[in-house]
Amino acid sequence: MHEELKPYGVEVVTVNPGAFRTGFNDTGMESMDQWWGQGERVVAHWPVRELNRQHDPAEMIEAMIGVIETDKPPYRTVYPASAEEMVRKEQAEIWKRQASEI
């Protein structure tokens, strides 16, 4: 999108939220705690994890408004800071991964 919209003066940035109390994470966790399979064959089962450390959505809304109102925001904004640290670590591990590890 960045390259496609650049000629029109449109800036593209991303805002990546961590875990906020919106119900989205709860639904995802509930669906992961199901047996997925066909007939007798079971594909996967994920145990339920308690989601007791979700943030107030108002914090994310405030962060998004800040990105929108900034003249030159960074391309990627991950919020809260603890989520940014996790994303940076996960992406660094992916970039370093070798084909044999896939």
PDB file of N, CA and C in Angstrom:
ATOM      1  N   MET A   1       0.816  -1.189   0.000  1.00  0.00           N
ATOM      2  CA  MET A   1       0.000   0.000   0.000  1.00  0.00           C
ATOM      3  C   MET A   1       0.862   1.256   0.000  1.00  0.00           C
ATOM      4  N   HIS A   2       1.975   1.195   0.721  1.00  0.00           N
ATOM      5  CA  HIS A   2       2.850   2.360   0.803  1.00  0.00           C
ATOM      6  C   HIS A   2       3.273   2.822  -0.585  1.00  0.00           C
ATOM      7  N   GLU A   3       3.765   1.900  -1.388  1.00  0.00           N
ATOM      8  CA  GLU A   3       4.241   2.247  -2.732  1.00  0.00           C
ATOM      9  C   GLU A   3       3.092   2.661  -3.655  1.00  0.00           C
ATOM     10  N   GLU A   4       1.952   2.000  -3.524  1.00  0.00           N
ATOM     11  CA  GLU A   4       0.803   2.315  -4.383  1.00  0.00           C
ATOM     12  C   GLU A   4       0.216   3.694  -4.101  1.00  0.00           C
ATOM     13  N   LEU A   5       0.200   4.093  -2.840  1.00  0.00           N
ATOM     14  CA  LEU A   5      -0.452   5.350  -2.462  1.00  0.00           C
ATOM     15  C   LEU A   5       0.500   6.540  -2.370  1.00  0.00           C
ATOM     16  N   LYS A   6       1.792   6.276  -2.362  1.00  0.00           N
ATOM     17  CA  LYS A   6       2.790   7.341  -2.259  1.00  0.00           C
ATOM     18  C   LYS A   6       2.621   8.420  -3.333  1.00  0.00           C
ATOM     19  N   PRO A   7       2.383   8.063  -4.613  1.00  0.00           N
ATOM     20  CA  PRO A   7       2.219   9.092  -5.641  1.00  0.00           C
ATOM     21  C   PRO A   7       1.042  10.041  -5.394  1.00  0.00           C
ATOM     22  N   TYR A   8       0.095   9.615  -4.561  1.00  0.00           N
ATOM     23  CA  TYR A   8      -1.086  10.432  -4.272  1.00  0.00           C
ATOM     24  C   TYR A   8      -0.946  11.214  -2.967  1.00  0.00           C
ATOM     25  N   GLY A   9       0.244  11.139  -2.357  1.00  0.00           N
ATOM     26  CA  GLY A   9       0.475  11.862  -1.113  1.00  0.00           C
ATOM     27  C   GLY A   9      -0.147  11.227   0.113  1.00  0.00           C
ATOM     28  N   VAL A  10      -0.485   9.950   0.001  1.00  0.00           N
ATOM     29  CA  VAL A  10      -1.098   9.247   1.131  1.00  0.00           C
ATOM     30  C   VAL A  10      -0.015   8.479   1.880  1.00  0.00           C
ATOM     31  N   GLU A  11       0.111   8.763   3.167  1.00  0.00           N
ATOM     32  CA  GLU A  11       1.067   8.055   4.012  1.00  0.00           C
ATOM     33  C   GLU A  11       0.390   6.821   4.605  1.00  0.00           C
ATOM     34  N   VAL A  12       1.093   5.724   4.640  1.00  0.00           N
ATOM     35  CA  VAL A  12       0.562   4.486   5.201  1.00  0.00           C
ATOM     36  C   VAL A  12       1.393   4.115   6.423  1.00  0.00           C
ATOM     37  N   VAL A  13       0.725   3.903   7.529  1.00  0.00           N
ATOM     38  CA  VAL A  13       1.371   3.451   8.755  1.00  0.00           C
ATOM     39  C   VAL A  13       0.532   2.323   9.339  1.00  0.00           C
ATOM     40  N   THR A  14       1.111   1.576  10.267  1.00  0.00           N
ATOM     41  CA  THR A  14       0.367   0.497  10.911  1.00  0.00           C
ATOM     42  C   THR A  14       0.298   0.743  12.409  1.00  0.00           C
ATOM     43  N   VAL A  15      -0.775   0.301  12.995  1.00  0.00           N
ATOM     44  CA  VAL A  15      -0.948   0.334  14.438  1.00  0.00           C
ATOM     45  C   VAL A  15      -1.299  -1.085  14.840  1.00  0.00           C
ATOM     46  N   ASN A  16      -0.433  -1.698  15.635  1.00  0.00           N
ATOM     47  CA  ASN A  16      -0.616  -3.087  16.044  1.00  0.00           C
ATOM     48  C   ASN A  16      -0.924  -3.144  17.536  1.00  0.00           C
ATOM     49  N   PRO A  17      -2.176  -3.480  17.893  1.00  0.00           N
ATOM     50  CA  PRO A  17      -2.535  -3.526  19.306  1.00  0.00           C
ATOM     51  C   PRO A  17      -2.128  -4.842  19.957  1.00  0.00           C
ATOM     52  N   GLY A  18      -1.784  -4.741  21.228  1.00  0.00           N
ATOM     53  CA  GLY A  18      -1.551  -5.927  22.034  1.00  0.00           C
ATOM     54  C   GLY A  18      -2.905  -6.448  22.522  1.00  0.00           C
ATOM     55  N   ALA A  19      -2.915  -7.015  23.716  1.00  0.00           N
ATOM     56  CA  ALA A  19      -4.146  -7.591  24.269  1.00  0.00           C
ATOM     57  C   ALA A  19      -4.948  -6.520  25.009  1.00  0.00           C
ATOM     58  N   PHE A  20      -6.103  -6.185  24.456  1.00  0.00           N
ATOM     59  CA  PHE A  20      -6.998  -5.204  25.070  1.00  0.00           C
ATOM     60  C   PHE A  20      -8.357  -5.847  25.316  1.00  0.00           C
ATOM     61  N   ARG A  21      -9.068  -5.373  26.324  1.00  0.00           N
ATOM     62  CA  ARG A  21     -10.372  -5.935  26.702  1.00  0.00           C
ATOM     63  C   ARG A  21     -11.454  -5.510  25.710  1.00  0.00           C
ATOM     64  N   THR A  22     -11.445  -6.121  24.539  1.00  0.00           N
ATOM     65  CA  THR A  22     -12.469  -5.833  23.537  1.00  0.00           C
ATOM     66  C   THR A  22     -13.344  -7.047  23.252  1.00  0.00           C
ATOM     67  N   GLY A  23     -12.949  -8.214  23.769  1.00  0.00           N
ATOM     68  CA  GLY A  23     -13.659  -9.448  23.471  1.00  0.00           C
ATOM     69  C   GLY A  23     -13.001 -10.229  22.347  1.00  0.00           C
ATOM     70  N   PHE A  24     -12.184  -9.565  21.540  1.00  0.00           N
ATOM     71  CA  PHE A  24     -11.524 -10.214  20.399  1.00  0.00           C
ATOM     72  C   PHE A  24     -10.610 -11.337  20.872  1.00  0.00           C
ATOM     73  N   ASN A  25      -9.773 -11.062  21.860  1.00  0.00           N
ATOM     74  CA  ASN A  25      -8.850 -12.077  22.363  1.00  0.00           C
ATOM     75  C   ASN A  25      -9.594 -13.222  23.037  1.00  0.00           C
ATOM     76  N   ASP A  26     -10.662 -12.889  23.769  1.00  0.00           N
ATOM     77  CA  ASP A  26     -11.449 -13.918  24.442  1.00  0.00           C
ATOM     78  C   ASP A  26     -12.030 -14.901  23.436  1.00  0.00           C
ATOM     79  N   THR A  27     -12.592 -14.377  22.353  1.00  0.00           N
ATOM     80  CA  THR A  27     -13.177 -15.229  21.318  1.00  0.00           C
ATOM     81  C   THR A  27     -12.115 -16.117  20.686  1.00  0.00           C
ATOM     82  N   GLY A  28     -10.938 -15.545  20.428  1.00  0.00           N
ATOM     83  CA  GLY A  28      -9.854 -16.325  19.845  1.00  0.00           C
ATOM     84  C   GLY A  28      -9.425 -17.455  20.755  1.00  0.00           C
ATOM     85  N   MET A  29      -9.316 -17.181  22.041  1.00  0.00           N
ATOM     86  CA  MET A  29      -8.907 -18.215  22.996  1.00  0.00           C
ATOM     87  C   MET A  29      -9.975 -19.289  23.135  1.00  0.00           C
ATOM     88  N   GLU A  30     -11.240 -18.889  23.118  1.00  0.00           N
ATOM     89  CA  GLU A  30     -12.321 -19.869  23.218  1.00  0.00           C
ATOM     90  C   GLU A  30     -12.300 -20.810  22.019  1.00  0.00           C
ATOM     91  N   SER A  31     -12.074 -20.260  20.832  1.00  0.00           N
ATOM     92  CA  SER A  31     -12.079 -21.109  19.647  1.00  0.00           C
ATOM     93  C   SER A  31     -10.858 -22.023  19.615  1.00  0.00           C
ATOM     94  N   MET A  32      -9.740 -21.585  20.237  1.00  0.00           N
ATOM     95  CA  MET A  32      -8.547 -22.435  20.281  1.00  0.00           C
ATOM     96  C   MET A  32      -8.743 -23.608  21.226  1.00  0.00           C
ATOM     97  N   ASP A  33      -9.667 -23.480  22.171  1.00  0.00           N
ATOM     98  CA  ASP A  33      -9.891 -24.547  23.142  1.00  0.00           C
ATOM     99  C   ASP A  33     -10.955 -25.522  22.653  1.00  0.00           C
ATOM    100  N   GLN A  34     -10.881 -25.874  21.396  1.00  0.00           N
ATOM    101  CA  GLN A  34     -11.799 -26.849  20.821  1.00  0.00           C
ATOM    102  C   GLN A  34     -10.985 -27.916  20.104  1.00  0.00           C
ATOM    103  N   TRP A  35     -11.550 -29.049  20.000  1.00  0.00           N
ATOM    104  CA  TRP A  35     -10.903 -30.113  19.234  1.00  0.00           C
ATOM    105  C   TRP A  35     -11.262 -29.892  17.774  1.00  0.00           C
ATOM    106  N   TRP A  36     -10.252 -29.824  16.924  1.00  0.00           N
ATOM    107  CA  TRP A  36     -10.476 -29.648  15.499  1.00  0.00           C
ATOM    108  C   TRP A  36     -10.104 -30.952  14.814  1.00  0.00           C
ATOM    109  N   GLY A  37     -11.002 -31.514  14.040  1.00  0.00           N
ATOM    110  CA  GLY A  37     -10.683 -32.759  13.364  1.00  0.00           C
ATOM    111  C   GLY A  37     -11.838 -33.255  12.525  1.00  0.00           C
ATOM    112  N   GLN A  38     -11.602 -34.356  11.875  1.00  0.00           N
ATOM    113  CA  GLN A  38     -12.614 -35.010  11.057  1.00  0.00           C
ATOM    114  C   GLN A  38     -12.769 -36.426  11.552  1.00  0.00           C
ATOM    115  N   GLY A  39     -13.981 -36.783  11.913  1.00  0.00           N
ATOM    116  CA  GLY A  39     -14.220 -38.145  12.359  1.00  0.00           C
ATOM    117  C   GLY A  39     -13.367 -38.500  13.561  1.00  0.00           C
ATOM    118  N   GLU A  40     -12.613 -39.577  13.445  1.00  0.00           N
ATOM    119  CA  GLU A  40     -11.777 -40.065  14.540  1.00  0.00           C
ATOM    120  C   GLU A  40     -10.451 -39.316  14.652  1.00  0.00           C
ATOM    121  N   ARG A  41     -10.064 -38.620  13.613  1.00  0.00           N
ATOM    122  CA  ARG A  41      -8.753 -37.973  13.576  1.00  0.00           C
ATOM    123  C   ARG A  41      -8.801 -36.580  14.216  1.00  0.00           C
ATOM    124  N   VAL A  42      -7.998 -36.361  15.224  1.00  0.00           N
ATOM    125  CA  VAL A  42      -7.938 -35.073  15.906  1.00  0.00           C
ATOM    126  C   VAL A  42      -6.718 -34.314  15.402  1.00  0.00           C
ATOM    127  N   VAL A  43      -6.927 -33.068  15.035  1.00  0.00           N
ATOM    128  CA  VAL A  43      -5.833 -32.265  14.498  1.00  0.00           C
ATOM    129  C   VAL A  43      -5.089 -31.520  15.607  1.00  0.00           C
ATOM    130  N   ALA A  44      -5.779 -30.828  16.490  1.00  0.00           N
ATOM    131  CA  ALA A  44      -5.088 -30.060  17.522  1.00  0.00           C
ATOM    132  C   ALA A  44      -6.019 -29.755  18.678  1.00  0.00           C
ATOM    133  N   HIS A  45      -5.438 -29.520  19.820  1.00  0.00           N
ATOM    134  CA  HIS A  45      -6.182 -29.079  20.991  1.00  0.00           C
ATOM    135  C   HIS A  45      -5.315 -28.073  21.733  1.00  0.00           C
ATOM    136  N   TRP A  46      -5.891 -26.928  22.050  1.00  0.00           N
ATOM    137  CA  TRP A  46      -5.172 -25.885  22.770  1.00  0.00           C
ATOM    138  C   TRP A  46      -5.862 -25.681  24.110  1.00  0.00           C
ATOM    139  N   PRO A  47      -5.131 -25.705  25.205  1.00  0.00           N
ATOM    140  CA  PRO A  47      -5.760 -25.471  26.512  1.00  0.00           C
ATOM    141  C   PRO A  47      -6.174 -24.009  26.679  1.00  0.00           C
ATOM    142  N   VAL A  48      -7.205 -23.798  27.464  1.00  0.00           N
ATOM    143  CA  VAL A  48      -7.668 -22.439  27.737  1.00  0.00           C
ATOM    144  C   VAL A  48      -6.624 -21.735  28.588  1.00  0.00           C
ATOM    145  N   ARG A  49      -6.320 -20.508  28.213  1.00  0.00           N
ATOM    146  CA  ARG A  49      -5.423 -19.675  29.017  1.00  0.00           C
ATOM    147  C   ARG A  49      -6.231 -18.503  29.541  1.00  0.00           C
ATOM    148  N   GLU A  50      -6.049 -18.214  30.802  1.00  0.00           N
ATOM    149  CA  GLU A  50      -6.787 -17.118  31.415  1.00  0.00           C
ATOM    150  C   GLU A  50      -6.273 -15.779  30.888  1.00  0.00           C
ATOM    151  N   LEU A  51      -7.194 -14.945  30.458  1.00  0.00           N
ATOM    152  CA  LEU A  51      -6.831 -13.631  29.914  1.00  0.00           C
ATOM    153  C   LEU A  51      -7.071 -12.562  30.980  1.00  0.00           C
ATOM    154  N   ASN A  52      -6.200 -12.545  31.975  1.00  0.00           N
ATOM    155  CA  ASN A  52      -6.396 -11.616  33.084  1.00  0.00           C
ATOM    156  C   ASN A  52      -5.444 -10.425  33.042  1.00  0.00           C
ATOM    157  N   ARG A  53      -4.707 -10.272  31.945  1.00  0.00           N
ATOM    158  CA  ARG A  53      -3.764  -9.159  31.854  1.00  0.00           C
ATOM    159  C   ARG A  53      -4.036  -8.288  30.630  1.00  0.00           C
ATOM    160  N   GLN A  54      -5.286  -8.183  30.240  1.00  0.00           N
ATOM    161  CA  GLN A  54      -5.643  -7.349  29.093  1.00  0.00           C
ATOM    162  C   GLN A  54      -5.718  -5.879  29.525  1.00  0.00           C
ATOM    163  N   HIS A  55      -5.423  -5.010  28.585  1.00  0.00           N
ATOM    164  CA  HIS A  55      -5.389  -3.574  28.865  1.00  0.00           C
ATOM    165  C   HIS A  55      -6.723  -2.915  28.545  1.00  0.00           C
ATOM    166  N   ASP A  56      -6.913  -1.736  29.098  1.00  0.00           N
ATOM    167  CA  ASP A  56      -8.110  -0.928  28.853  1.00  0.00           C
ATOM    168  C   ASP A  56      -8.077  -0.434  27.402  1.00  0.00           C
ATOM    169  N   PRO A  57      -9.132  -0.678  26.611  1.00  0.00           N
ATOM    170  CA  PRO A  57      -9.157  -0.235  25.214  1.00  0.00           C
ATOM    171  C   PRO A  57      -8.955   1.273  25.052  1.00  0.00           C
ATOM    172  N   ALA A  58      -9.300   2.060  26.065  1.00  0.00           N
ATOM    173  CA  ALA A  58      -9.124   3.516  25.969  1.00  0.00           C
ATOM    174  C   ALA A  58      -7.651   3.870  25.760  1.00  0.00           C
ATOM    175  N   GLU A  59      -6.737   3.058  26.308  1.00  0.00           N
ATOM    176  CA  GLU A  59      -5.305   3.297  26.111  1.00  0.00           C
ATOM    177  C   GLU A  59      -4.931   3.166  24.637  1.00  0.00           C
ATOM    178  N   MET A  60      -5.483   2.162  23.971  1.00  0.00           N
ATOM    179  CA  MET A  60      -5.174   1.935  22.557  1.00  0.00           C
ATOM    180  C   MET A  60      -5.792   3.019  21.699  1.00  0.00           C
ATOM    181  N   ILE A  61      -6.995   3.435  22.037  1.00  0.00           N
ATOM    182  CA  ILE A  61      -7.649   4.511  21.289  1.00  0.00           C
ATOM    183  C   ILE A  61      -6.809   5.776  21.376  1.00  0.00           C
ATOM    184  N   GLU A  62      -6.322   6.082  22.557  1.00  0.00           N
ATOM    185  CA  GLU A  62      -5.476   7.256  22.754  1.00  0.00           C
ATOM    186  C   GLU A  62      -4.188   7.143  21.930  1.00  0.00           C
ATOM    187  N   ALA A  63      -3.600   5.953  21.899  1.00  0.00           N
ATOM    188  CA  ALA A  63      -2.374   5.742  21.115  1.00  0.00           C
ATOM    189  C   ALA A  63      -2.650   5.919  19.618  1.00  0.00           C
ATOM    190  N   MET A  64      -3.789   5.408  19.139  1.00  0.00           N
ATOM    191  CA  MET A  64      -4.134   5.558  17.714  1.00  0.00           C
ATOM    192  C   MET A  64      -4.352   7.026  17.354  1.00  0.00           C
ATOM    193  N   ILE A  65      -5.026   7.755  18.218  1.00  0.00           N
ATOM    194  CA  ILE A  65      -5.246   9.178  17.965  1.00  0.00           C
ATOM    195  C   ILE A  65      -3.899   9.895  17.895  1.00  0.00           C
ATOM    196  N   GLY A  66      -2.994   9.519  18.773  1.00  0.00           N
ATOM    197  CA  GLY A  66      -1.658  10.107  18.754  1.00  0.00           C
ATOM    198  C   GLY A  66      -0.946   9.872  17.430  1.00  0.00           C
ATOM    199  N   VAL A  67      -1.067   8.658  16.884  1.00  0.00           N
ATOM    200  CA  VAL A  67      -0.455   8.343  15.586  1.00  0.00           C
ATOM    201  C   VAL A  67      -1.099   9.187  14.486  1.00  0.00           C
ATOM    202  N   ILE A  68      -2.400   9.287  14.510  1.00  0.00           N
ATOM    203  CA  ILE A  68      -3.129  10.037  13.477  1.00  0.00           C
ATOM    204  C   ILE A  68      -2.762  11.514  13.513  1.00  0.00           C
ATOM    205  N   GLU A  69      -2.623  12.059  14.698  1.00  0.00           N
ATOM    206  CA  GLU A  69      -2.366  13.496  14.834  1.00  0.00           C
ATOM    207  C   GLU A  69      -0.888  13.879  14.674  1.00  0.00           C
ATOM    208  N   THR A  70       0.003  12.909  14.632  1.00  0.00           N
ATOM    209  CA  THR A  70       1.434  13.180  14.482  1.00  0.00           C
ATOM    210  C   THR A  70       1.754  13.472  13.019  1.00  0.00           C
ATOM    211  N   ASP A  71       2.549  14.507  12.781  1.00  0.00           N
ATOM    212  CA  ASP A  71       2.911  14.860  11.406  1.00  0.00           C
ATOM    213  C   ASP A  71       3.697  13.761  10.704  1.00  0.00           C
ATOM    214  N   LYS A  72       4.660  13.184  11.378  1.00  0.00           N
ATOM    215  CA  LYS A  72       5.484  12.133  10.780  1.00  0.00           C
ATOM    216  C   LYS A  72       5.565  10.949  11.740  1.00  0.00           C
ATOM    217  N   PRO A  73       4.502  10.147  11.813  1.00  0.00           N
ATOM    218  CA  PRO A  73       4.512   9.011  12.741  1.00  0.00           C
ATOM    219  C   PRO A  73       5.437   7.907  12.228  1.00  0.00           C
ATOM    220  N   PRO A  74       5.884   7.034  13.118  1.00  0.00           N
ATOM    221  CA  PRO A  74       6.676   5.896  12.666  1.00  0.00           C
ATOM    222  C   PRO A  74       5.797   4.971  11.819  1.00  0.00           C
ATOM    223  N   TYR A  75       6.422   4.192  10.945  1.00  0.00           N
ATOM    224  CA  TYR A  75       5.639   3.269  10.119  1.00  0.00           C
ATOM    225  C   TYR A  75       4.859   2.295  10.986  1.00  0.00           C
ATOM    226  N   ARG A  76       5.505   1.738  11.997  1.00  0.00           N
ATOM    227  CA  ARG A  76       4.827   0.748  12.836  1.00  0.00           C
ATOM    228  C   ARG A  76       4.761   1.238  14.265  1.00  0.00           C
ATOM    229  N   THR A  77       3.555   1.183  14.823  1.00  0.00           N
ATOM    230  CA  THR A  77       3.342   1.480  16.230  1.00  0.00           C
ATOM    231  C   THR A  77       2.719   0.246  16.861  1.00  0.00           C
ATOM    232  N   VAL A  78       3.411  -0.336  17.808  1.00  0.00           N
ATOM    233  CA  VAL A  78       2.892  -1.477  18.572  1.00  0.00           C
ATOM    234  C   VAL A  78       2.668  -0.976  19.988  1.00  0.00           C
ATOM    235  N   TYR A  79       1.487  -1.253  20.507  1.00  0.00           N
ATOM    236  CA  TYR A  79       1.147  -0.746  21.825  1.00  0.00           C
ATOM    237  C   TYR A  79       0.434  -1.827  22.611  1.00  0.00           C
ATOM    238  N   PRO A  80       0.709  -2.011  23.876  1.00  0.00           N
ATOM    239  CA  PRO A  80       1.609  -1.293  24.758  1.00  0.00           C
ATOM    240  C   PRO A  80       3.070  -1.677  24.524  1.00  0.00           C
ATOM    241  N   ALA A  81       3.959  -1.015  25.244  1.00  0.00           N
ATOM    242  CA  ALA A  81       5.399  -1.242  25.066  1.00  0.00           C
ATOM    243  C   ALA A  81       5.768  -2.705  25.275  1.00  0.00           C
ATOM    244  N   SER A  82       5.106  -3.379  26.193  1.00  0.00           N
ATOM    245  CA  SER A  82       5.420  -4.796  26.438  1.00  0.00           C
ATOM    246  C   SER A  82       5.110  -5.637  25.201  1.00  0.00           C
ATOM    247  N   ALA A  83       4.083  -5.274  24.455  1.00  0.00           N
ATOM    248  CA  ALA A  83       3.757  -5.994  23.219  1.00  0.00           C
ATOM    249  C   ALA A  83       4.801  -5.696  22.150  1.00  0.00           C
ATOM    250  N   GLU A  84       5.303  -4.472  22.116  1.00  0.00           N
ATOM    251  CA  GLU A  84       6.332  -4.126  21.136  1.00  0.00           C
ATOM    252  C   GLU A  84       7.584  -4.963  21.350  1.00  0.00           C
ATOM    253  N   GLU A  85       7.992  -5.118  22.598  1.00  0.00           N
ATOM    254  CA  GLU A  85       9.166  -5.929  22.906  1.00  0.00           C
ATOM    255  C   GLU A  85       8.970  -7.363  22.423  1.00  0.00           C
ATOM    256  N   MET A  86       7.775  -7.925  22.645  1.00  0.00           N
ATOM    257  CA  MET A  86       7.478  -9.289  22.234  1.00  0.00           C
ATOM    258  C   MET A  86       7.511  -9.413  20.705  1.00  0.00           C
ATOM    259  N   VAL A  87       6.904  -8.466  20.004  1.00  0.00           N
ATOM    260  CA  VAL A  87       6.865  -8.499  18.541  1.00  0.00           C
ATOM    261  C   VAL A  87       8.277  -8.398  17.965  1.00  0.00           C
ATOM    262  N   ARG A  88       9.082  -7.489  18.498  1.00  0.00           N
ATOM    263  CA  ARG A  88      10.460  -7.335  18.017  1.00  0.00           C
ATOM    264  C   ARG A  88      11.240  -8.643  18.184  1.00  0.00           C
ATOM    265  N   LYS A  89      11.084  -9.294  19.326  1.00  0.00           N
ATOM    266  CA  LYS A  89      11.791 -10.547  19.587  1.00  0.00           C
ATOM    267  C   LYS A  89      11.317 -11.637  18.617  1.00  0.00           C
ATOM    268  N   GLU A  90       9.995 -11.787  18.472  1.00  0.00           N
ATOM    269  CA  GLU A  90       9.455 -12.818  17.582  1.00  0.00           C
ATOM    270  C   GLU A  90       9.895 -12.586  16.142  1.00  0.00           C
ATOM    271  N   GLN A  91       9.854 -11.342  15.694  1.00  0.00           N
ATOM    272  CA  GLN A  91      10.238 -11.065  14.316  1.00  0.00           C
ATOM    273  C   GLN A  91      11.730 -11.256  14.106  1.00  0.00           C
ATOM    274  N   ALA A  92      12.547 -10.924  15.095  1.00  0.00           N
ATOM    275  CA  ALA A  92      13.987 -11.146  14.971  1.00  0.00           C
ATOM    276  C   ALA A  92      14.272 -12.635  14.835  1.00  0.00           C
ATOM    277  N   GLU A  93      13.566 -13.452  15.609  1.00  0.00           N
ATOM    278  CA  GLU A  93      13.759 -14.902  15.530  1.00  0.00           C
ATOM    279  C   GLU A  93      13.341 -15.435  14.167  1.00  0.00           C
ATOM    280  N   ILE A  94      12.263 -14.907  13.607  1.00  0.00           N
ATOM    281  CA  ILE A  94      11.801 -15.345  12.288  1.00  0.00           C
ATOM    282  C   ILE A  94      12.807 -14.959  11.212  1.00  0.00           C
ATOM    283  N   TRP A  95      13.335 -13.716  11.277  1.00  0.00           N
ATOM    284  CA  TRP A  95      14.295 -13.257  10.268  1.00  0.00           C
ATOM    285  C   TRP A  95      15.582 -14.064  10.313  1.00  0.00           C
ATOM    286  N   LYS A  96      15.948 -14.551  11.485  1.00  0.00           N
ATOM    287  CA  LYS A  96      17.184 -15.331  11.626  1.00  0.00           C
ATOM    288  C   LYS A  96      16.986 -16.810  11.336  1.00  0.00           C
ATOM    289  N   ARG A  97      15.760 -17.272  11.267  1.00  0.00           N
ATOM    290  CA  ARG A  97      15.478 -18.698  11.111  1.00  0.00           C
ATOM    291  C   ARG A  97      16.002 -19.217   9.781  1.00  0.00           C
ATOM    292  N   GLN A  98      16.532 -20.403   9.811  1.00  0.00           N
ATOM    293  CA  GLN A  98      17.059 -21.057   8.618  1.00  0.00           C
ATOM    294  C   GLN A  98      15.972 -21.978   8.027  1.00  0.00           C
ATOM    295  N   ALA A  99      16.091 -22.282   6.749  1.00  0.00           N
ATOM    296  CA  ALA A  99      15.096 -23.106   6.063  1.00  0.00           C
ATOM    297  C   ALA A  99      14.888 -24.451   6.763  1.00  0.00           C
ATOM    298  N   SER A 100      15.938 -25.036   7.308  1.00  0.00           N
ATOM    299  CA  SER A 100      15.817 -26.330   7.964  1.00  0.00           C
ATOM    300  C   SER A 100      14.986 -26.266   9.231  1.00  0.00           C
ATOM    301  N   GLU A 101      14.749 -25.058   9.756  1.00  0.00           N
ATOM    302  CA  GLU A 101      13.987 -24.883  10.984  1.00  0.00           C
ATOM    303  C   GLU A 101      12.494 -24.682  10.715  1.00  0.00           C
ATOM    304  N   ILE A 102      12.114 -24.627   9.470  1.00  0.00           N
ATOM    305  CA  ILE A 102      10.708 -24.351   9.129  1.00  0.00           C
ATOM    306  C   ILE A 102       9.882 -25.601   9.250  1.00  0.00           C
TER     307      ILE A 102
END
